[in-house]
Amino acid sequence: MITVVIADRLGKGQNVAKGVEAAGGRAVVVPGMGADMRLGDVMQTEKADIGFSFCGSGGAGAITAATKYGYKERHGMRSVEEGITAINDGNTVLGFGFMDSEELGQRIVEAYSKLKGN
């Protein structure tokens, strides 16, 4: 099962989690304000496959996770298609502007699953 950590600066991410679960993944939503800055730590704890960081710029949590743990990341994204391209390019930490949508979670997990041959 694909494990996805969702970390939103404003403590949201529940809709993305619904999409992850609809695609057969396991979603872990990091609670509280500033959750994006804890993305890498929670990914390590949960042994996650993918991490989502959401903030205004779409970068802070993703860059922090990459710097601290060496995850390959892409940030500053604003669309589902950009996220799918990032997954196909081998990134596992995805930084978006605020985009709490079920479609995003579902399509990213489907793309990752297809990439891994599941």
PDB file of N, CA and C in Angstrom:
ATOM      1  N   MET A   1       0.846  -1.185   0.000  1.00  0.00           N
ATOM      2  CA  MET A   1       0.000   0.000   0.000  1.00  0.00           C
ATOM      3  C   MET A   1       0.889   1.245   0.000  1.00  0.00           C
ATOM      4  N   ILE A   2       0.525   2.202  -0.802  1.00  0.00           N
ATOM      5  CA  ILE A   2       1.259   3.457  -0.910  1.00  0.00           C
ATOM      6  C   ILE A   2       0.871   4.363   0.259  1.00  0.00           C
ATOM      7  N   THR A   3       1.865   4.835   0.986  1.00  0.00           N
ATOM      8  CA  THR A   3       1.634   5.734   2.111  1.00  0.00           C
ATOM      9  C   THR A   3       1.998   7.152   1.698  1.00  0.00           C
ATOM     10  N   VAL A   4       1.065   8.066   1.944  1.00  0.00           N
ATOM     11  CA  VAL A   4       1.236   9.468   1.567  1.00  0.00           C
ATOM     12  C   VAL A   4       1.066  10.340   2.806  1.00  0.00           C
ATOM     13  N   VAL A   5       2.058  11.194   3.049  1.00  0.00           N
ATOM     14  CA  VAL A   5       1.962  12.173   4.135  1.00  0.00           C
ATOM     15  C   VAL A   5       1.548  13.504   3.529  1.00  0.00           C
ATOM     16  N   ILE A   6       0.554  14.131   4.144  1.00  0.00           N
ATOM     17  CA  ILE A   6       0.002  15.400   3.670  1.00  0.00           C
ATOM     18  C   ILE A   6       0.228  16.435   4.767  1.00  0.00           C
ATOM     19  N   ALA A   7       0.980  17.490   4.424  1.00  0.00           N
ATOM     20  CA  ALA A   7       1.338  18.499   5.418  1.00  0.00           C
ATOM     21  C   ALA A   7       1.016  19.882   4.859  1.00  0.00           C
ATOM     22  N   ASP A   8       0.015  20.514   5.438  1.00  0.00           N
ATOM     23  CA  ASP A   8      -0.487  21.803   4.973  1.00  0.00           C
ATOM     24  C   ASP A   8      -0.174  22.877   6.004  1.00  0.00           C
ATOM     25  N   ARG A   9       0.331  24.012   5.541  1.00  0.00           N
ATOM     26  CA  ARG A   9       0.695  25.123   6.431  1.00  0.00           C
ATOM     27  C   ARG A   9      -0.460  25.518   7.340  1.00  0.00           C
ATOM     28  N   LEU A  10      -1.699  25.399   6.859  1.00  0.00           N
ATOM     29  CA  LEU A  10      -2.864  25.812   7.636  1.00  0.00           C
ATOM     30  C   LEU A  10      -3.562  24.647   8.326  1.00  0.00           C
ATOM     31  N   GLY A  11      -2.943  23.471   8.319  1.00  0.00           N
ATOM     32  CA  GLY A  11      -3.523  22.321   9.007  1.00  0.00           C
ATOM     33  C   GLY A  11      -4.608  21.616   8.228  1.00  0.00           C
ATOM     34  N   LYS A  12      -4.711  21.886   6.932  1.00  0.00           N
ATOM     35  CA  LYS A  12      -5.746  21.239   6.115  1.00  0.00           C
ATOM     36  C   LYS A  12      -5.153  20.010   5.430  1.00  0.00           C
ATOM     37  N   GLY A  13      -5.804  19.531   4.381  1.00  0.00           N
ATOM     38  CA  GLY A  13      -5.334  18.372   3.644  1.00  0.00           C
ATOM     39  C   GLY A  13      -6.286  17.205   3.663  1.00  0.00           C
ATOM     40  N   GLN A  14      -7.435  17.373   4.317  1.00  0.00           N
ATOM     41  CA  GLN A  14      -8.385  16.280   4.446  1.00  0.00           C
ATOM     42  C   GLN A  14      -8.980  15.850   3.101  1.00  0.00           C
ATOM     43  N   ASN A  15      -9.163  16.785   2.177  1.00  0.00           N
ATOM     44  CA  ASN A  15      -9.706  16.417   0.870  1.00  0.00           C
ATOM     45  C   ASN A  15      -8.683  15.640   0.051  1.00  0.00           C
ATOM     46  N   VAL A  16      -7.425  16.048   0.103  1.00  0.00           N
ATOM     47  CA  VAL A  16      -6.369  15.289  -0.578  1.00  0.00           C
ATOM     48  C   VAL A  16      -6.337  13.873  -0.004  1.00  0.00           C
ATOM     49  N   ALA A  17      -6.462  13.761   1.307  1.00  0.00           N
ATOM     50  CA  ALA A  17      -6.458  12.444   1.961  1.00  0.00           C
ATOM     51  C   ALA A  17      -7.588  11.562   1.431  1.00  0.00           C
ATOM     52  N   LYS A  18      -8.752  12.123   1.221  1.00  0.00           N
ATOM     53  CA  LYS A  18      -9.873  11.348   0.665  1.00  0.00           C
ATOM     54  C   LYS A  18      -9.516  10.803  -0.712  1.00  0.00           C
ATOM     55  N   GLY A  19      -8.852  11.614  -1.528  1.00  0.00           N
ATOM     56  CA  GLY A  19      -8.439  11.173  -2.852  1.00  0.00           C
ATOM     57  C   GLY A  19      -7.390  10.077  -2.794  1.00  0.00           C
ATOM     58  N   VAL A  20      -6.434  10.209  -1.867  1.00  0.00           N
ATOM     59  CA  VAL A  20      -5.407   9.181  -1.677  1.00  0.00           C
ATOM     60  C   VAL A  20      -6.078   7.854  -1.333  1.00  0.00           C
ATOM     61  N   GLU A  21      -7.018   7.903  -0.404  1.00  0.00           N
ATOM     62  CA  GLU A  21      -7.711   6.685   0.026  1.00  0.00           C
ATOM     63  C   GLU A  21      -8.581   6.115  -1.076  1.00  0.00           C
ATOM     64  N   ALA A  22      -9.207   6.970  -1.890  1.00  0.00           N
ATOM     65  CA  ALA A  22     -10.015   6.497  -3.018  1.00  0.00           C
ATOM     66  C   ALA A  22      -9.171   5.732  -4.030  1.00  0.00           C
ATOM     67  N   ALA A  23      -7.886   6.086  -4.116  1.00  0.00           N
ATOM     68  CA  ALA A  23      -6.969   5.409  -5.042  1.00  0.00           C
ATOM     69  C   ALA A  23      -6.310   4.187  -4.391  1.00  0.00           C
ATOM     70  N   GLY A  24      -6.707   3.865  -3.164  1.00  0.00           N
ATOM     71  CA  GLY A  24      -6.178   2.691  -2.488  1.00  0.00           C
ATOM     72  C   GLY A  24      -4.951   2.944  -1.638  1.00  0.00           C
ATOM     73  N   GLY A  25      -4.593   4.206  -1.421  1.00  0.00           N
ATOM     74  CA  GLY A  25      -3.439   4.546  -0.602  1.00  0.00           C
ATOM     75  C   GLY A  25      -3.810   4.764   0.853  1.00  0.00           C
ATOM     76  N   ARG A  26      -2.785   4.941   1.665  1.00  0.00           N
ATOM     77  CA  ARG A  26      -2.965   5.277   3.083  1.00  0.00           C
ATOM     78  C   ARG A  26      -2.512   6.707   3.265  1.00  0.00           C
ATOM     79  N   ALA A  27      -3.401   7.543   3.779  1.00  0.00           N
ATOM     80  CA  ALA A  27      -3.116   8.964   3.970  1.00  0.00           C
ATOM     81  C   ALA A  27      -2.822   9.254   5.431  1.00  0.00           C
ATOM     82  N   VAL A  28      -1.779  10.048   5.657  1.00  0.00           N
ATOM     83  CA  VAL A  28      -1.436  10.531   6.993  1.00  0.00           C
ATOM     84  C   VAL A  28      -1.428  12.050   6.900  1.00  0.00           C
ATOM     85  N   VAL A  29      -2.387  12.698   7.565  1.00  0.00           N
ATOM     86  CA  VAL A  29      -2.464  14.154   7.561  1.00  0.00           C
ATOM     87  C   VAL A  29      -1.762  14.671   8.813  1.00  0.00           C
ATOM     88  N   VAL A  30      -0.753  15.514   8.616  1.00  0.00           N
ATOM     89  CA  VAL A  30      -0.018  16.099   9.735  1.00  0.00           C
ATOM     90  C   VAL A  30      -0.893  17.208  10.323  1.00  0.00           C
ATOM     91  N   PRO A  31      -1.209  17.134  11.611  1.00  0.00           N
ATOM     92  CA  PRO A  31      -2.121  18.123  12.199  1.00  0.00           C
ATOM     93  C   PRO A  31      -1.430  19.439  12.552  1.00  0.00           C
ATOM     94  N   GLY A  32      -2.245  20.479  12.605  1.00  0.00           N
ATOM     95  CA  GLY A  32      -1.798  21.749  13.162  1.00  0.00           C
ATOM     96  C   GLY A  32      -1.198  22.733  12.177  1.00  0.00           C
ATOM     97  N   MET A  33      -1.149  23.970  12.637  1.00  0.00           N
ATOM     98  CA  MET A  33      -0.552  25.050  11.863  1.00  0.00           C
ATOM     99  C   MET A  33       0.936  24.769  11.665  1.00  0.00           C
ATOM    100  N   GLY A  34       1.448  25.137  10.504  1.00  0.00           N
ATOM    101  CA  GLY A  34       2.859  24.928  10.206  1.00  0.00           C
ATOM    102  C   GLY A  34       3.231  23.478   9.963  1.00  0.00           C
ATOM    103  N   ALA A  35       2.247  22.645   9.685  1.00  0.00           N
ATOM    104  CA  ALA A  35       2.488  21.212   9.485  1.00  0.00           C
ATOM    105  C   ALA A  35       3.455  20.946   8.344  1.00  0.00           C
ATOM    106  N   ASP A  36       3.478  21.821   7.340  1.00  0.00           N
ATOM    107  CA  ASP A  36       4.356  21.598   6.186  1.00  0.00           C
ATOM    108  C   ASP A  36       5.821  21.505   6.590  1.00  0.00           C
ATOM    109  N   MET A  37       6.208  22.182   7.650  1.00  0.00           N
ATOM    110  CA  MET A  37       7.601  22.178   8.080  1.00  0.00           C
ATOM    111  C   MET A  37       7.988  20.868   8.775  1.00  0.00           C
ATOM    112  N   ARG A  38       7.012  20.036   9.081  1.00  0.00           N
ATOM    113  CA  ARG A  38       7.267  18.736   9.711  1.00  0.00           C
ATOM    114  C   ARG A  38       7.123  17.575   8.718  1.00  0.00           C
ATOM    115  N   LEU A  39       6.939  17.885   7.441  1.00  0.00           N
ATOM    116  CA  LEU A  39       6.687  16.853   6.429  1.00  0.00           C
ATOM    117  C   LEU A  39       7.746  15.758   6.425  1.00  0.00           C
ATOM    118  N   GLY A  40       9.007  16.112   6.317  1.00  0.00           N
ATOM    119  CA  GLY A  40      10.076  15.118   6.243  1.00  0.00           C
ATOM    120  C   GLY A  40      10.144  14.248   7.484  1.00  0.00           C
ATOM    121  N   ASP A  41       9.963  14.846   8.650  1.00  0.00           N
ATOM    122  CA  ASP A  41      10.004  14.083   9.904  1.00  0.00           C
ATOM    123  C   ASP A  41       8.910  13.021   9.930  1.00  0.00           C
ATOM    124  N   VAL A  42       7.697  13.409   9.524  1.00  0.00           N
ATOM    125  CA  VAL A  42       6.581  12.459   9.533  1.00  0.00           C
ATOM    126  C   VAL A  42       6.757  11.411   8.432  1.00  0.00           C
ATOM    127  N   MET A  43       7.294  11.799   7.289  1.00  0.00           N
ATOM    128  CA  MET A  43       7.561  10.820   6.228  1.00  0.00           C
ATOM    129  C   MET A  43       8.533   9.754   6.731  1.00  0.00           C
ATOM    130  N   GLN A  44       9.545  10.159   7.467  1.00  0.00           N
ATOM    131  CA  GLN A  44      10.502   9.204   8.024  1.00  0.00           C
ATOM    132  C   GLN A  44       9.813   8.258   9.012  1.00  0.00           C
ATOM    133  N   THR A  45       9.024   8.824   9.916  1.00  0.00           N
ATOM    134  CA  THR A  45       8.333   8.028  10.923  1.00  0.00           C
ATOM    135  C   THR A  45       7.381   7.025  10.289  1.00  0.00           C
ATOM    136  N   GLU A  46       6.646   7.469   9.275  1.00  0.00           N
ATOM    137  CA  GLU A  46       5.625   6.634   8.639  1.00  0.00           C
ATOM    138  C   GLU A  46       6.173   5.764   7.504  1.00  0.00           C
ATOM    139  N   LYS A  47       7.477   5.935   7.176  1.00  0.00           N
ATOM    140  CA  LYS A  47       8.083   5.238   6.032  1.00  0.00           C
ATOM    141  C   LYS A  47       7.259   5.472   4.763  1.00  0.00           C
ATOM    142  N   ALA A  48       6.950   6.736   4.536  1.00  0.00           N
ATOM    143  CA  ALA A  48       6.048   7.132   3.452  1.00  0.00           C
ATOM    144  C   ALA A  48       6.714   7.039   2.083  1.00  0.00           C
ATOM    145  N   ASP A  49       5.875   6.809   1.089  1.00  0.00           N
ATOM    146  CA  ASP A  49       6.310   6.768  -0.308  1.00  0.00           C
ATOM    147  C   ASP A  49       6.307   8.156  -0.935  1.00  0.00           C
ATOM    148  N   ILE A  50       5.314   8.962  -0.563  1.00  0.00           N
ATOM    149  CA  ILE A  50       5.106  10.276  -1.160  1.00  0.00           C
ATOM    150  C   ILE A  50       4.780  11.265  -0.047  1.00  0.00           C
ATOM    151  N   GLY A  51       5.215  12.512  -0.233  1.00  0.00           N
ATOM    152  CA  GLY A  51       4.847  13.577   0.685  1.00  0.00           C
ATOM    153  C   GLY A  51       4.320  14.775  -0.070  1.00  0.00           C
ATOM    154  N   PHE A  52       3.251  15.364   0.435  1.00  0.00           N
ATOM    155  CA  PHE A  52       2.680  16.592  -0.115  1.00  0.00           C
ATOM    156  C   PHE A  52       2.929  17.721   0.875  1.00  0.00           C
ATOM    157  N   SER A  53       3.428  18.832   0.393  1.00  0.00           N
ATOM    158  CA  SER A  53       3.582  20.032   1.192  1.00  0.00           C
ATOM    159  C   SER A  53       2.726  21.122   0.568  1.00  0.00           C
ATOM    160  N   PHE A  54       1.914  21.774   1.387  1.00  0.00           N
ATOM    161  CA  PHE A  54       1.063  22.859   0.908  1.00  0.00           C
ATOM    162  C   PHE A  54       1.342  24.123   1.709  1.00  0.00           C
ATOM    163  N   CYS A  55       1.642  25.201   0.997  1.00  0.00           N
ATOM    164  CA  CYS A  55       1.768  26.517   1.610  1.00  0.00           C
ATOM    165  C   CYS A  55       1.546  27.542   0.505  1.00  0.00           C
ATOM    166  N   GLY A  56       1.641  28.791   0.815  1.00  0.00           N
ATOM    167  CA  GLY A  56       1.397  29.819  -0.188  1.00  0.00           C
ATOM    168  C   GLY A  56       2.299  29.702  -1.397  1.00  0.00           C
ATOM    169  N   SER A  57       3.582  29.473  -1.164  1.00  0.00           N
ATOM    170  CA  SER A  57       4.539  29.377  -2.272  1.00  0.00           C
ATOM    171  C   SER A  57       4.660  27.961  -2.810  1.00  0.00           C
ATOM    172  N   GLY A  58       4.272  26.987  -2.004  1.00  0.00           N
ATOM    173  CA  GLY A  58       4.413  25.604  -2.424  1.00  0.00           C
ATOM    174  C   GLY A  58       5.831  25.090  -2.303  1.00  0.00           C
ATOM    175  N   GLY A  59       6.632  25.681  -1.426  1.00  0.00           N
ATOM    176  CA  GLY A  59       8.018  25.265  -1.372  1.00  0.00           C
ATOM    177  C   GLY A  59       8.619  24.963  -0.018  1.00  0.00           C
ATOM    178  N   ALA A  60       8.219  25.669   1.009  1.00  0.00           N
ATOM    179  CA  ALA A  60       8.941  25.609   2.283  1.00  0.00           C
ATOM    180  C   ALA A  60       9.059  24.193   2.842  1.00  0.00           C
ATOM    181  N   GLY A  61       7.977  23.488   2.968  1.00  0.00           N
ATOM    182  CA  GLY A  61       8.017  22.136   3.537  1.00  0.00           C
ATOM    183  C   GLY A  61       8.727  21.146   2.644  1.00  0.00           C
ATOM    184  N   ALA A  62       8.547  21.277   1.333  1.00  0.00           N
ATOM    185  CA  ALA A  62       9.205  20.368   0.387  1.00  0.00           C
ATOM    186  C   ALA A  62      10.715  20.561   0.424  1.00  0.00           C
ATOM    187  N   ILE A  63      11.152  21.799   0.419  1.00  0.00           N
ATOM    188  CA  ILE A  63      12.589  22.085   0.450  1.00  0.00           C
ATOM    189  C   ILE A  63      13.192  21.633   1.779  1.00  0.00           C
ATOM    190  N   THR A  64      12.481  21.843   2.871  1.00  0.00           N
ATOM    191  CA  THR A  64      12.969  21.408   4.182  1.00  0.00           C
ATOM    192  C   THR A  64      13.117  19.891   4.229  1.00  0.00           C
ATOM    193  N   ALA A  65      12.128  19.151   3.718  1.00  0.00           N
ATOM    194  CA  ALA A  65      12.205  17.681   3.699  1.00  0.00           C
ATOM    195  C   ALA A  65      13.373  17.209   2.841  1.00  0.00           C
ATOM    196  N   ALA A  66      13.580  17.865   1.709  1.00  0.00           N
ATOM    197  CA  ALA A  66      14.687  17.491   0.822  1.00  0.00           C
ATOM    198  C   ALA A  66      16.034  17.787   1.466  1.00  0.00           C
ATOM    199  N   THR A  67      16.147  18.933   2.112  1.00  0.00           N
ATOM    200  CA  THR A  67      17.405  19.334   2.736  1.00  0.00           C
ATOM    201  C   THR A  67      17.751  18.429   3.923  1.00  0.00           C
ATOM    202  N   LYS A  68      16.757  18.139   4.743  1.00  0.00           N
ATOM    203  CA  LYS A  68      16.998  17.374   5.963  1.00  0.00           C
ATOM    204  C   LYS A  68      17.187  15.879   5.696  1.00  0.00           C
ATOM    205  N   TYR A  69      16.419  15.327   4.734  1.00  0.00           N
ATOM    206  CA  TYR A  69      16.423  13.877   4.533  1.00  0.00           C
ATOM    207  C   TYR A  69      16.857  13.423   3.139  1.00  0.00           C
ATOM    208  N   GLY A  70      17.077  14.338   2.230  1.00  0.00           N
ATOM    209  CA  GLY A  70      17.534  13.960   0.899  1.00  0.00           C
ATOM    210  C   GLY A  70      16.468  13.505  -0.063  1.00  0.00           C
ATOM    211  N   TYR A  71      15.199  13.749   0.263  1.00  0.00           N
ATOM    212  CA  TYR A  71      14.130  13.397  -0.669  1.00  0.00           C
ATOM    213  C   TYR A  71      14.274  14.209  -1.949  1.00  0.00           C
ATOM    214  N   LYS A  72      13.957  13.600  -3.072  1.00  0.00           N
ATOM    215  CA  LYS A  72      13.920  14.343  -4.329  1.00  0.00           C
ATOM    216  C   LYS A  72      12.595  15.093  -4.356  1.00  0.00           C
ATOM    217  N   GLU A  73      12.666  16.406  -4.568  1.00  0.00           N
ATOM    218  CA  GLU A  73      11.446  17.216  -4.485  1.00  0.00           C
ATOM    219  C   GLU A  73      11.283  18.131  -5.682  1.00  0.00           C
ATOM    220  N   ARG A  74      10.045  18.526  -5.884  1.00  0.00           N
ATOM    221  CA  ARG A  74       9.711  19.598  -6.821  1.00  0.00           C
ATOM    222  C   ARG A  74       8.701  20.471  -6.107  1.00  0.00           C
ATOM    223  N   HIS A  75       8.884  21.774  -6.190  1.00  0.00           N
ATOM    224  CA  HIS A  75       7.990  22.693  -5.483  1.00  0.00           C
ATOM    225  C   HIS A  75       7.488  23.788  -6.421  1.00  0.00           C
ATOM    226  N   GLY A  76       6.587  24.596  -5.892  1.00  0.00           N
ATOM    227  CA  GLY A  76       6.028  25.703  -6.661  1.00  0.00           C
ATOM    228  C   GLY A  76       4.958  25.267  -7.649  1.00  0.00           C
ATOM    229  N   MET A  77       4.417  24.090  -7.463  1.00  0.00           N
ATOM    230  CA  MET A  77       3.423  23.568  -8.416  1.00  0.00           C
ATOM    231  C   MET A  77       2.026  24.103  -8.102  1.00  0.00           C
ATOM    232  N   ARG A  78       1.229  24.189  -9.151  1.00  0.00           N
ATOM    233  CA  ARG A  78      -0.124  24.740  -9.022  1.00  0.00           C
ATOM    234  C   ARG A  78      -1.188  23.899  -9.721  1.00  0.00           C
ATOM    235  N   SER A  79      -0.818  22.710 -10.235  1.00  0.00           N
ATOM    236  CA  SER A  79      -1.824  21.897 -10.927  1.00  0.00           C
ATOM    237  C   SER A  79      -1.552  20.415 -10.712  1.00  0.00           C
ATOM    238  N   VAL A  80      -2.593  19.623 -10.913  1.00  0.00           N
ATOM    239  CA  VAL A  80      -2.487  18.171 -10.824  1.00  0.00           C
ATOM    240  C   VAL A  80      -1.486  17.662 -11.860  1.00  0.00           C
ATOM    241  N   GLU A  81      -1.541  18.207 -13.065  1.00  0.00           N
ATOM    242  CA  GLU A  81      -0.664  17.755 -14.144  1.00  0.00           C
ATOM    243  C   GLU A  81       0.810  17.974 -13.790  1.00  0.00           C
ATOM    244  N   GLU A  82       1.126  19.097 -13.158  1.00  0.00           N
ATOM    245  CA  GLU A  82       2.508  19.336 -12.723  1.00  0.00           C
ATOM    246  C   GLU A  82       2.941  18.276 -11.710  1.00  0.00           C
ATOM    247  N   GLY A  83       2.039  17.901 -10.825  1.00  0.00           N
ATOM    248  CA  GLY A  83       2.339  16.869  -9.835  1.00  0.00           C
ATOM    249  C   GLY A  83       2.583  15.513 -10.467  1.00  0.00           C
ATOM    250  N   ILE A  84       1.781  15.163 -11.454  1.00  0.00           N
ATOM    251  CA  ILE A  84       1.961  13.888 -12.149  1.00  0.00           C
ATOM    252  C   ILE A  84       3.308  13.877 -12.873  1.00  0.00           C
ATOM    253  N   THR A  85       3.648  14.974 -13.521  1.00  0.00           N
ATOM    254  CA  THR A  85       4.949  15.073 -14.189  1.00  0.00           C
ATOM    255  C   THR A  85       6.077  14.921 -13.176  1.00  0.00           C
ATOM    256  N   ALA A  86       5.938  15.546 -12.017  1.00  0.00           N
ATOM    257  CA  ALA A  86       6.969  15.451 -10.973  1.00  0.00           C
ATOM    258  C   ALA A  86       7.137  14.010 -10.501  1.00  0.00           C
ATOM    259  N   ILE A  87       6.036  13.287 -10.306  1.00  0.00           N
ATOM    260  CA  ILE A  87       6.101  11.874  -9.910  1.00  0.00           C
ATOM    261  C   ILE A  87       6.792  11.065 -10.994  1.00  0.00           C
ATOM    262  N   ASN A  88       6.410  11.289 -12.242  1.00  0.00           N
ATOM    263  CA  ASN A  88       7.010  10.556 -13.362  1.00  0.00           C
ATOM    264  C   ASN A  88       8.499  10.864 -13.517  1.00  0.00           C
ATOM    265  N   ASP A  89       8.925  12.027 -13.036  1.00  0.00           N
ATOM    266  CA  ASP A  89      10.334  12.412 -13.076  1.00  0.00           C
ATOM    267  C   ASP A  89      11.117  11.880 -11.867  1.00  0.00           C
ATOM    268  N   GLY A  90      10.441  11.139 -10.992  1.00  0.00           N
ATOM    269  CA  GLY A  90      11.123  10.514  -9.858  1.00  0.00           C
ATOM    270  C   GLY A  90      11.102  11.281  -8.555  1.00  0.00           C
ATOM    271  N   ASN A  91      10.325  12.345  -8.481  1.00  0.00           N
ATOM    272  CA  ASN A  91      10.211  13.104  -7.231  1.00  0.00           C
ATOM    273  C   ASN A  91       9.249  12.399  -6.278  1.00  0.00           C
ATOM    274  N   THR A  92       9.557  12.445  -4.991  1.00  0.00           N
ATOM    275  CA  THR A  92       8.664  11.841  -3.997  1.00  0.00           C
ATOM    276  C   THR A  92       8.090  12.862  -3.028  1.00  0.00           C
ATOM    277  N   VAL A  93       8.640  14.064  -3.015  1.00  0.00           N
ATOM    278  CA  VAL A  93       8.094  15.152  -2.216  1.00  0.00           C
ATOM    279  C   VAL A  93       7.605  16.233  -3.180  1.00  0.00           C
ATOM    280  N   LEU A  94       6.331  16.564  -3.043  1.00  0.00           N
ATOM    281  CA  LEU A  94       5.678  17.484  -3.969  1.00  0.00           C
ATOM    282  C   LEU A  94       5.195  18.708  -3.216  1.00  0.00           C
ATOM    283  N   GLY A  95       5.653  19.889  -3.624  1.00  0.00           N
ATOM    284  CA  GLY A  95       5.261  21.131  -2.985  1.00  0.00           C
ATOM    285  C   GLY A  95       4.289  21.909  -3.853  1.00  0.00           C
ATOM    286  N   PHE A  96       3.121  22.181  -3.309  1.00  0.00           N
ATOM    287  CA  PHE A  96       2.062  22.891  -4.025  1.00  0.00           C
ATOM    288  C   PHE A  96       1.658  24.147  -3.268  1.00  0.00           C
ATOM    289  N   GLY A  97       1.095  25.089  -4.018  1.00  0.00           N
ATOM    290  CA  GLY A  97       0.335  26.145  -3.389  1.00  0.00           C
ATOM    291  C   GLY A  97      -0.888  25.471  -2.772  1.00  0.00           C
ATOM    292  N   PHE A  98      -1.701  26.193  -2.085  1.00  0.00           N
ATOM    293  CA  PHE A  98      -2.857  25.579  -1.421  1.00  0.00           C
ATOM    294  C   PHE A  98      -3.783  24.933  -2.444  1.00  0.00           C
ATOM    295  N   MET A  99      -3.901  23.596  -2.390  1.00  0.00           N
ATOM    296  CA  MET A  99      -4.723  22.818  -3.337  1.00  0.00           C
ATOM    297  C   MET A  99      -5.302  21.608  -2.625  1.00  0.00           C
ATOM    298  N   ASP A 100      -6.197  21.797  -1.715  1.00  0.00           N
ATOM    299  CA  ASP A 100      -6.768  20.669  -0.967  1.00  0.00           C
ATOM    300  C   ASP A 100      -7.907  20.056  -1.768  1.00  0.00           C
ATOM    301  N   SER A 101      -7.549  19.224  -2.774  1.00  0.00           N
ATOM    302  CA  SER A 101      -8.589  18.615  -3.619  1.00  0.00           C
ATOM    303  C   SER A 101      -8.425  17.105  -3.685  1.00  0.00           C
ATOM    304  N   GLU A 102      -9.549  16.407  -3.700  1.00  0.00           N
ATOM    305  CA  GLU A 102      -9.543  14.955  -3.810  1.00  0.00           C
ATOM    306  C   GLU A 102      -8.860  14.511  -5.103  1.00  0.00           C
ATOM    307  N   GLU A 103      -9.121  15.227  -6.196  1.00  0.00           N
ATOM    308  CA  GLU A 103      -8.541  14.855  -7.485  1.00  0.00           C
ATOM    309  C   GLU A 103      -7.021  14.785  -7.404  1.00  0.00           C
ATOM    310  N   LEU A 104      -6.410  15.739  -6.738  1.00  0.00           N
ATOM    311  CA  LEU A 104      -4.954  15.768  -6.623  1.00  0.00           C
ATOM    312  C   LEU A 104      -4.444  14.496  -5.939  1.00  0.00           C
ATOM    313  N   GLY A 105      -4.998  14.163  -4.800  1.00  0.00           N
ATOM    314  CA  GLY A 105      -4.562  12.971  -4.077  1.00  0.00           C
ATOM    315  C   GLY A 105      -4.751  11.699  -4.872  1.00  0.00           C
ATOM    316  N   GLN A 106      -5.900  11.582  -5.493  1.00  0.00           N
ATOM    317  CA  GLN A 106      -6.215  10.363  -6.242  1.00  0.00           C
ATOM    318  C   GLN A 106      -5.308  10.199  -7.459  1.00  0.00           C
ATOM    319  N   ARG A 107      -5.165  11.239  -8.244  1.00  0.00           N
ATOM    320  CA  ARG A 107      -4.392  11.126  -9.483  1.00  0.00           C
ATOM    321  C   ARG A 107      -2.898  10.946  -9.232  1.00  0.00           C
ATOM    322  N   ILE A 108      -2.373  11.548  -8.169  1.00  0.00           N
ATOM    323  CA  ILE A 108      -0.954  11.373  -7.861  1.00  0.00           C
ATOM    324  C   ILE A 108      -0.697   9.932  -7.425  1.00  0.00           C
ATOM    325  N   VAL A 109      -1.545   9.381  -6.573  1.00  0.00           N
ATOM    326  CA  VAL A 109      -1.363   7.992  -6.143  1.00  0.00           C
ATOM    327  C   VAL A 109      -1.507   7.048  -7.333  1.00  0.00           C
ATOM    328  N   GLU A 110      -2.458   7.297  -8.208  1.00  0.00           N
ATOM    329  CA  GLU A 110      -2.611   6.458  -9.398  1.00  0.00           C
ATOM    330  C   GLU A 110      -1.360   6.525 -10.281  1.00  0.00           C
ATOM    331  N   ALA A 111      -0.801   7.723 -10.454  1.00  0.00           N
ATOM    332  CA  ALA A 111       0.410   7.885 -11.273  1.00  0.00           C
ATOM    333  C   ALA A 111       1.589   7.169 -10.629  1.00  0.00           C
ATOM    334  N   TYR A 112       1.734   7.283  -9.324  1.00  0.00           N
ATOM    335  CA  TYR A 112       2.836   6.626  -8.610  1.00  0.00           C
ATOM    336  C   TYR A 112       2.697   5.109  -8.712  1.00  0.00           C
ATOM    337  N   SER A 113       1.474   4.625  -8.534  1.00  0.00           N
ATOM    338  CA  SER A 113       1.220   3.190  -8.622  1.00  0.00           C
ATOM    339  C   SER A 113       1.558   2.661 -10.016  1.00  0.00           C
ATOM    340  N   LYS A 114       1.163   3.383 -11.042  1.00  0.00           N
ATOM    341  CA  LYS A 114       1.454   2.995 -12.423  1.00  0.00           C
ATOM    342  C   LYS A 114       2.976   2.994 -12.665  1.00  0.00           C
ATOM    343  N   LEU A 115       3.647   4.003 -12.155  1.00  0.00           N
ATOM    344  CA  LEU A 115       5.094   4.114 -12.315  1.00  0.00           C
ATOM    345  C   LEU A 115       5.816   2.928 -11.660  1.00  0.00           C
ATOM    346  N   LYS A 116       5.315   2.486 -10.517  1.00  0.00           N
ATOM    347  CA  LYS A 116       5.936   1.382  -9.778  1.00  0.00           C
ATOM    348  C   LYS A 116       5.436   0.016 -10.248  1.00  0.00           C
ATOM    349  N   GLY A 117       4.522   0.016 -11.226  1.00  0.00           N
ATOM    350  CA  GLY A 117       4.028  -1.247 -11.767  1.00  0.00           C
ATOM    351  C   GLY A 117       3.006  -1.963 -10.920  1.00  0.00           C
ATOM    352  N   ASN A 118       2.281  -1.216 -10.105  1.00  0.00           N
ATOM    353  CA  ASN A 118       1.237  -1.810  -9.247  1.00  0.00           C
ATOM    354  C   ASN A 118      -0.118  -1.711  -9.878  1.00  0.00           C
TER     355      ASN A 118
END
